[in-house]
């Protein structure tokens, strides 16, 4: 057991690790000072990946197969997302949208930008916290009771697959039909299957830690991180809906598509977030 692991092994000593993870989030999202969208895009992906690596190193002798899969899922999730966004940014078809994003964020400077940086780093720690609670419980000899991992990890894998598949599906579709809305494959189930995949992934992360939430504070950390990312995905779906309405609103096929396919949650007859008031992002 190395020194860092010894320091972090006591129940009351989770705060040092959370502070370290907060620092990782700050470091990995600092690109937002160059381009503000990086706080919540590329910096988001690299922050989750960086936290997974940091936690695995800190608790390396306590990572069993199932917790290892949870951390591997978080690592792959973060790297895949950051890589996808980096590739997308280089595509000529995305340049106009990137310019629009930069224009919308041009007025954000100084203290406001600093506050965003602090806020997103804290959010990423809260979202990641179920993995920390699982490892802390494992160190306290509760490995056999961490039954929620058996449910949460497969749900995380399902969400990761759906998000990755939906992104790939849309990229291929847009390469062939750049001026048409995507309505094939998973986009026949919901209009934002990539965002749905994200919600499912973080639902799995929340569920994976249920057996390890030994206090109201642990529940509050994990639940607040989950609630925030769900609201952010709803806000992202709302922005995408507004953008697509501007682009395809006069197309009768698009109008028919939006009337019959739910925007984010399958089986729920919610077809628009235009009037949504409670969301983040």
Protein backbone atom coordinates (compact mmCIF):
# COMPACT_ATOMS: atom_id res chain seq x y z
CA UNK A 1 0.00 0.00 0.00
CA UNK A 2 1.63 3.25 -1.10
CA UNK A 3 1.56 6.49 0.89
CA UNK A 4 -1.28 8.07 -1.07
CA UNK A 5 -3.42 4.97 -0.68
CA UNK A 6 -2.69 4.87 3.06
CA UNK A 7 -3.78 8.47 3.49
CA UNK A 8 -6.98 7.86 1.56
CA UNK A 9 -7.92 4.56 3.19
CA UNK A 10 -9.63 5.99 6.29
CA UNK A 11 -13.37 6.74 6.01
CA UNK A 12 -12.92 10.34 7.06
CA UNK A 13 -10.14 10.85 4.51
CA UNK A 14 -12.14 10.90 1.31
CA UNK A 15 -11.90 14.68 1.20
CA UNK A 16 -8.21 14.67 0.14
CA UNK A 17 -9.08 12.51 -2.87
CA UNK A 18 -12.04 14.70 -3.75
CA UNK A 19 -9.73 17.74 -3.60
CA UNK A 20 -7.25 15.97 -5.87
CA UNK A 21 -10.03 15.08 -8.31
CA UNK A 22 -11.24 18.68 -8.22
CA UNK A 23 -7.73 19.73 -9.20
CA UNK A 24 -7.76 17.21 -12.03
CA UNK A 25 -11.04 18.66 -13.24
CA UNK A 26 -9.62 22.18 -13.13
CA UNK A 27 -6.52 21.14 -15.03
CA UNK A 28 -8.32 19.15 -17.71
CA UNK A 29 -11.00 21.79 -18.34
CA UNK A 30 -8.65 24.80 -18.29
CA UNK A 31 -8.79 24.91 -22.09
CA UNK A 32 -12.04 26.80 -21.60
CA UNK A 33 -9.98 29.95 -21.08
CA UNK A 34 -8.86 29.57 -24.70
CA UNK A 35 -12.25 28.58 -26.09
CA UNK A 36 -15.10 28.75 -23.61
CA UNK A 37 -16.97 25.75 -24.98
CA UNK A 38 -14.01 23.57 -23.92
CA UNK A 39 -15.13 23.91 -20.29
CA UNK A 40 -18.12 21.69 -21.05
CA UNK A 41 -17.00 19.72 -24.09
CA UNK A 42 -13.43 18.52 -24.54
CA UNK A 43 -12.56 19.51 -20.98
CA UNK A 44 -15.53 17.49 -19.76
CA UNK A 45 -14.34 14.34 -21.48
CA UNK A 46 -10.72 14.70 -20.40
CA UNK A 47 -11.78 15.51 -16.81
CA UNK A 48 -13.73 12.26 -16.43
CA UNK A 49 -10.90 10.27 -18.02
CA UNK A 50 -8.31 11.99 -15.83
CA UNK A 51 -10.32 11.28 -12.68
CA UNK A 52 -10.62 7.61 -13.62
CA UNK A 53 -6.84 7.33 -14.04
CA UNK A 54 -6.11 9.26 -10.84
CA UNK A 55 -8.51 7.16 -8.76
CA UNK A 56 -7.22 3.88 -10.18
CA UNK A 57 -3.67 4.88 -9.28
CA UNK A 58 -4.63 6.00 -5.77
CA UNK A 59 -6.53 2.78 -5.02
CA UNK A 60 -4.64 0.39 -7.30
CA UNK A 61 -4.43 -2.45 -4.77
CA UNK A 62 -8.16 -2.27 -4.01
CA UNK A 63 -9.49 -2.27 -7.57
CA UNK A 64 -11.20 -5.60 -8.18
CA UNK A 65 -12.61 -6.76 -11.53
CA UNK A 66 -16.03 -5.13 -11.21
CA UNK A 67 -14.81 -1.78 -9.91
CA UNK A 68 -12.11 -1.96 -12.55
CA UNK A 69 -14.83 -2.22 -15.18
CA UNK A 70 -16.57 0.81 -13.71
CA UNK A 71 -13.37 2.85 -13.87
CA UNK A 72 -12.58 1.53 -17.35
CA UNK A 73 -16.05 2.59 -18.49
CA UNK A 74 -15.48 6.09 -17.14
CA UNK A 75 -12.04 6.26 -18.76
CA UNK A 76 -13.31 5.08 -22.14
CA UNK A 77 -16.33 7.36 -21.89
CA UNK A 78 -14.16 10.44 -21.30
CA UNK A 79 -11.57 9.64 -23.97
CA UNK A 80 -14.20 8.71 -26.56
CA UNK A 81 -16.15 11.91 -25.97
CA UNK A 82 -13.09 14.17 -26.07
CA UNK A 83 -11.74 12.40 -29.15
CA UNK A 84 -15.07 12.62 -30.96
CA UNK A 85 -15.37 16.33 -30.23
CA UNK A 86 -11.81 17.01 -31.38
CA UNK A 87 -12.41 15.20 -34.66
CA UNK A 88 -15.74 16.95 -35.17
CA UNK A 89 -14.14 20.33 -34.63
CA UNK A 90 -11.81 19.71 -37.57
CA UNK A 91 -14.64 18.94 -39.98
CA UNK A 92 -15.48 21.77 -42.43
CA UNK A 93 -19.22 21.21 -41.90
CA UNK A 94 -18.86 22.11 -38.21
CA UNK A 95 -17.00 25.39 -38.68
CA UNK A 96 -20.14 27.53 -38.91
CA UNK A 97 -21.63 25.99 -35.77
CA UNK A 98 -18.33 26.45 -33.93
CA UNK A 99 -18.25 30.10 -34.98
CA UNK A 100 -21.80 30.55 -33.67
CA UNK A 101 -20.82 28.98 -30.35
CA UNK A 102 -17.82 31.27 -30.01
CA UNK A 103 -19.94 34.30 -30.84
CA UNK A 104 -22.50 33.39 -28.15
CA UNK A 105 -19.72 33.05 -25.58
CA UNK A 106 -17.73 36.10 -26.62
CA UNK A 107 -19.23 38.26 -23.86
CA UNK A 108 -18.20 35.84 -21.09
CA UNK A 109 -14.99 37.08 -19.52
CA UNK A 110 -13.06 37.48 -16.29
CA UNK A 111 -14.82 36.49 -13.09
CA UNK A 112 -17.74 34.82 -14.88
CA UNK A 113 -15.40 32.58 -16.85
CA UNK A 114 -13.53 31.74 -13.64
CA UNK A 115 -16.82 30.86 -11.91
CA UNK A 116 -17.78 28.56 -14.79
CA UNK A 117 -14.39 26.84 -14.53
CA UNK A 118 -14.84 26.23 -10.79
CA UNK A 119 -18.44 25.09 -11.21
CA UNK A 120 -17.83 22.56 -13.97
CA UNK A 121 -14.85 21.04 -12.15
CA UNK A 122 -17.01 20.58 -9.06
CA UNK A 123 -19.81 19.10 -11.16
CA UNK A 124 -17.46 16.55 -12.70
CA UNK A 125 -16.30 15.47 -9.25
CA UNK A 126 -19.91 14.99 -8.12
CA UNK A 127 -20.73 12.97 -11.23
CA UNK A 128 -17.65 10.81 -10.67
CA UNK A 129 -18.21 10.38 -6.92
CA UNK A 130 -20.05 6.99 -7.01
CA UNK A 131 -16.81 5.35 -8.15
CA UNK A 132 -14.97 6.91 -5.19
CA UNK A 133 -17.60 5.67 -2.73
CA UNK A 134 -17.36 2.16 -4.18
CA UNK A 135 -13.61 2.09 -3.76
CA UNK A 136 -13.83 3.46 -0.22
CA UNK A 137 -16.36 0.74 0.66
CA UNK A 138 -14.11 -1.87 -0.93
CA UNK A 139 -11.21 -0.75 1.26
CA UNK A 140 -13.41 -1.04 4.35
CA UNK A 141 -14.11 -4.69 3.56
CA UNK A 142 -17.56 -4.23 2.03
CA UNK A 143 -16.72 -5.73 -1.37
CA UNK A 144 -19.23 -8.56 -1.04
CA UNK A 145 -22.07 -6.14 -0.34
CA UNK A 146 -21.50 -3.94 -3.41
CA UNK A 147 -24.30 -5.68 -5.30
CA UNK A 148 -25.41 -2.52 -7.10
CA UNK A 149 -22.27 -2.68 -9.23
CA UNK A 150 -23.69 -5.75 -10.97
CA UNK A 151 -26.60 -3.62 -12.18
CA UNK A 152 -24.92 -0.26 -12.64
CA UNK A 153 -21.92 -1.34 -14.71
CA UNK A 154 -23.99 -3.06 -17.45
CA UNK A 155 -26.27 0.00 -17.59
CA UNK A 156 -23.17 2.19 -18.02
CA UNK A 157 -22.03 -0.07 -20.87
CA UNK A 158 -25.43 0.18 -22.54
CA UNK A 159 -25.39 3.98 -22.35
CA UNK A 160 -21.84 4.17 -23.65
CA UNK A 161 -22.70 1.91 -26.58
CA UNK A 162 -25.83 3.90 -27.47
CA UNK A 163 -24.06 7.25 -27.32
CA UNK A 164 -21.12 6.00 -29.40
CA UNK A 165 -23.37 4.27 -31.92
CA UNK A 166 -25.63 7.30 -32.30
CA UNK A 167 -22.70 9.65 -32.87
CA UNK A 168 -21.22 7.28 -35.47
CA UNK A 169 -24.60 6.80 -37.11
CA UNK A 170 -25.20 10.53 -37.46
CA UNK A 171 -21.69 11.19 -38.76
CA UNK A 172 -22.12 8.59 -41.49
CA UNK A 173 -25.57 9.89 -42.38
CA UNK A 174 -24.42 13.51 -42.58
CA UNK A 175 -21.50 12.54 -44.82
CA UNK A 176 -24.01 11.29 -47.40
CA UNK A 177 -26.89 13.70 -46.72
CA UNK A 178 -25.38 16.91 -45.29
CA UNK A 179 -28.54 18.98 -45.77
CA UNK A 180 -31.10 16.54 -44.32
CA UNK A 181 -32.03 15.87 -40.71
CA UNK A 182 -30.97 12.44 -39.43
CA UNK A 183 -33.94 10.10 -38.99
CA UNK A 184 -32.41 6.64 -39.41
CA UNK A 185 -31.57 3.84 -36.97
CA UNK A 186 -31.60 4.97 -33.36
CA UNK A 187 -32.93 8.36 -34.49
CA UNK A 188 -36.23 6.63 -35.22
CA UNK A 189 -36.60 5.90 -31.49
CA UNK A 190 -35.77 9.35 -30.11
CA UNK A 191 -34.50 12.48 -31.83
CA UNK A 192 -31.48 12.77 -29.52
CA UNK A 193 -30.26 9.18 -28.96
CA UNK A 194 -26.72 10.35 -28.17
CA UNK A 195 -28.04 12.46 -25.30
CA UNK A 196 -30.21 9.53 -24.20
CA UNK A 197 -27.08 7.37 -24.14
CA UNK A 198 -25.42 9.94 -21.91
CA UNK A 199 -28.37 9.90 -19.49
CA UNK A 200 -28.33 6.08 -19.41
CA UNK A 201 -24.56 6.02 -18.80
CA UNK A 202 -24.79 8.35 -15.81
CA UNK A 203 -27.85 6.51 -14.53
CA UNK A 204 -25.68 3.40 -14.45
CA UNK A 205 -22.94 5.31 -12.64
CA UNK A 206 -25.44 6.46 -10.00
CA UNK A 207 -26.90 2.96 -9.58
CA UNK A 208 -23.44 1.37 -9.40
CA UNK A 209 -22.70 3.23 -6.17
CA UNK A 210 -26.01 2.67 -4.35
CA UNK A 211 -24.59 -0.09 -2.13
CA UNK A 212 -21.75 2.20 -1.06
CA UNK A 213 -23.69 5.35 -0.14
CA UNK A 214 -23.33 5.09 3.59
CA UNK A 215 -24.43 8.61 4.50
CA UNK A 216 -26.75 11.37 3.43
CA UNK A 217 -23.72 13.33 2.21
CA UNK A 218 -22.72 10.52 -0.16
CA UNK A 219 -26.27 10.35 -1.47
CA UNK A 220 -26.34 14.13 -1.88
CA UNK A 221 -23.06 14.19 -3.83
CA UNK A 222 -24.03 11.38 -6.19
CA UNK A 223 -27.64 12.48 -6.69
CA UNK A 224 -26.80 16.15 -7.29
CA UNK A 225 -24.21 15.25 -9.92
CA UNK A 226 -26.71 12.96 -11.64
CA UNK A 227 -29.54 15.50 -11.54
CA UNK A 228 -27.31 18.18 -13.02
CA UNK A 229 -26.17 16.07 -15.97
CA UNK A 230 -29.77 15.04 -16.74
CA UNK A 231 -30.85 18.70 -16.74
CA UNK A 232 -27.84 19.58 -18.91
CA UNK A 233 -28.82 16.90 -21.43
CA UNK A 234 -32.36 18.24 -21.49
CA UNK A 235 -30.97 21.72 -22.13
CA UNK A 236 -28.73 20.36 -24.89
CA UNK A 237 -31.72 18.65 -26.50
CA UNK A 238 -33.64 21.93 -26.32
CA UNK A 239 -30.85 23.84 -28.05
CA UNK A 240 -30.57 21.18 -30.74
CA UNK A 241 -34.32 21.32 -31.29
CA UNK A 242 -34.19 25.10 -31.73
CA UNK A 243 -31.30 24.82 -34.16
CA UNK A 244 -33.00 22.11 -36.21
CA UNK A 245 -36.25 24.07 -36.29
CA UNK A 246 -34.36 26.97 -37.84
CA UNK A 247 -32.72 24.69 -40.38
CA UNK A 248 -35.50 22.25 -41.26
CA UNK A 249 -38.67 23.87 -39.92
CA UNK A 250 -40.18 24.43 -43.36
CA UNK A 251 -39.72 20.77 -44.34
CA UNK A 252 -43.01 18.82 -44.01
CA UNK A 253 -41.08 15.58 -43.46
CA UNK A 254 -39.25 17.15 -40.55
CA UNK A 255 -42.50 18.41 -39.06
CA UNK A 256 -43.97 14.91 -39.31
CA UNK A 257 -40.82 13.45 -37.77
CA UNK A 258 -40.95 15.77 -34.73
CA UNK A 259 -44.62 14.96 -34.16
CA UNK A 260 -44.16 11.20 -34.01
CA UNK A 261 -40.67 10.71 -32.48
CA UNK A 262 -40.05 11.75 -28.83
CA UNK A 263 -37.25 14.24 -28.35
CA UNK A 264 -35.23 12.45 -25.64
CA UNK A 265 -37.02 9.79 -23.61
CA UNK A 266 -38.41 6.76 -25.50
CA UNK A 267 -41.99 5.66 -24.83
CA UNK A 268 -42.80 9.03 -23.26
CA UNK A 269 -44.96 11.28 -25.46
CA UNK A 270 -42.73 14.33 -24.94
CA UNK A 271 -42.03 15.75 -28.39
CA UNK A 272 -40.62 19.17 -27.59
CA UNK A 273 -38.57 20.99 -24.95
CA UNK A 274 -39.28 24.44 -26.40
CA UNK A 275 -41.22 25.47 -23.31
CA UNK A 276 -38.89 23.73 -20.89
CA UNK A 277 -37.98 26.04 -18.01
CA UNK A 278 -36.01 23.77 -15.67
CA UNK A 279 -32.73 22.80 -17.28
CA UNK A 280 -29.03 23.61 -17.17
CA UNK A 281 -26.64 24.57 -19.95
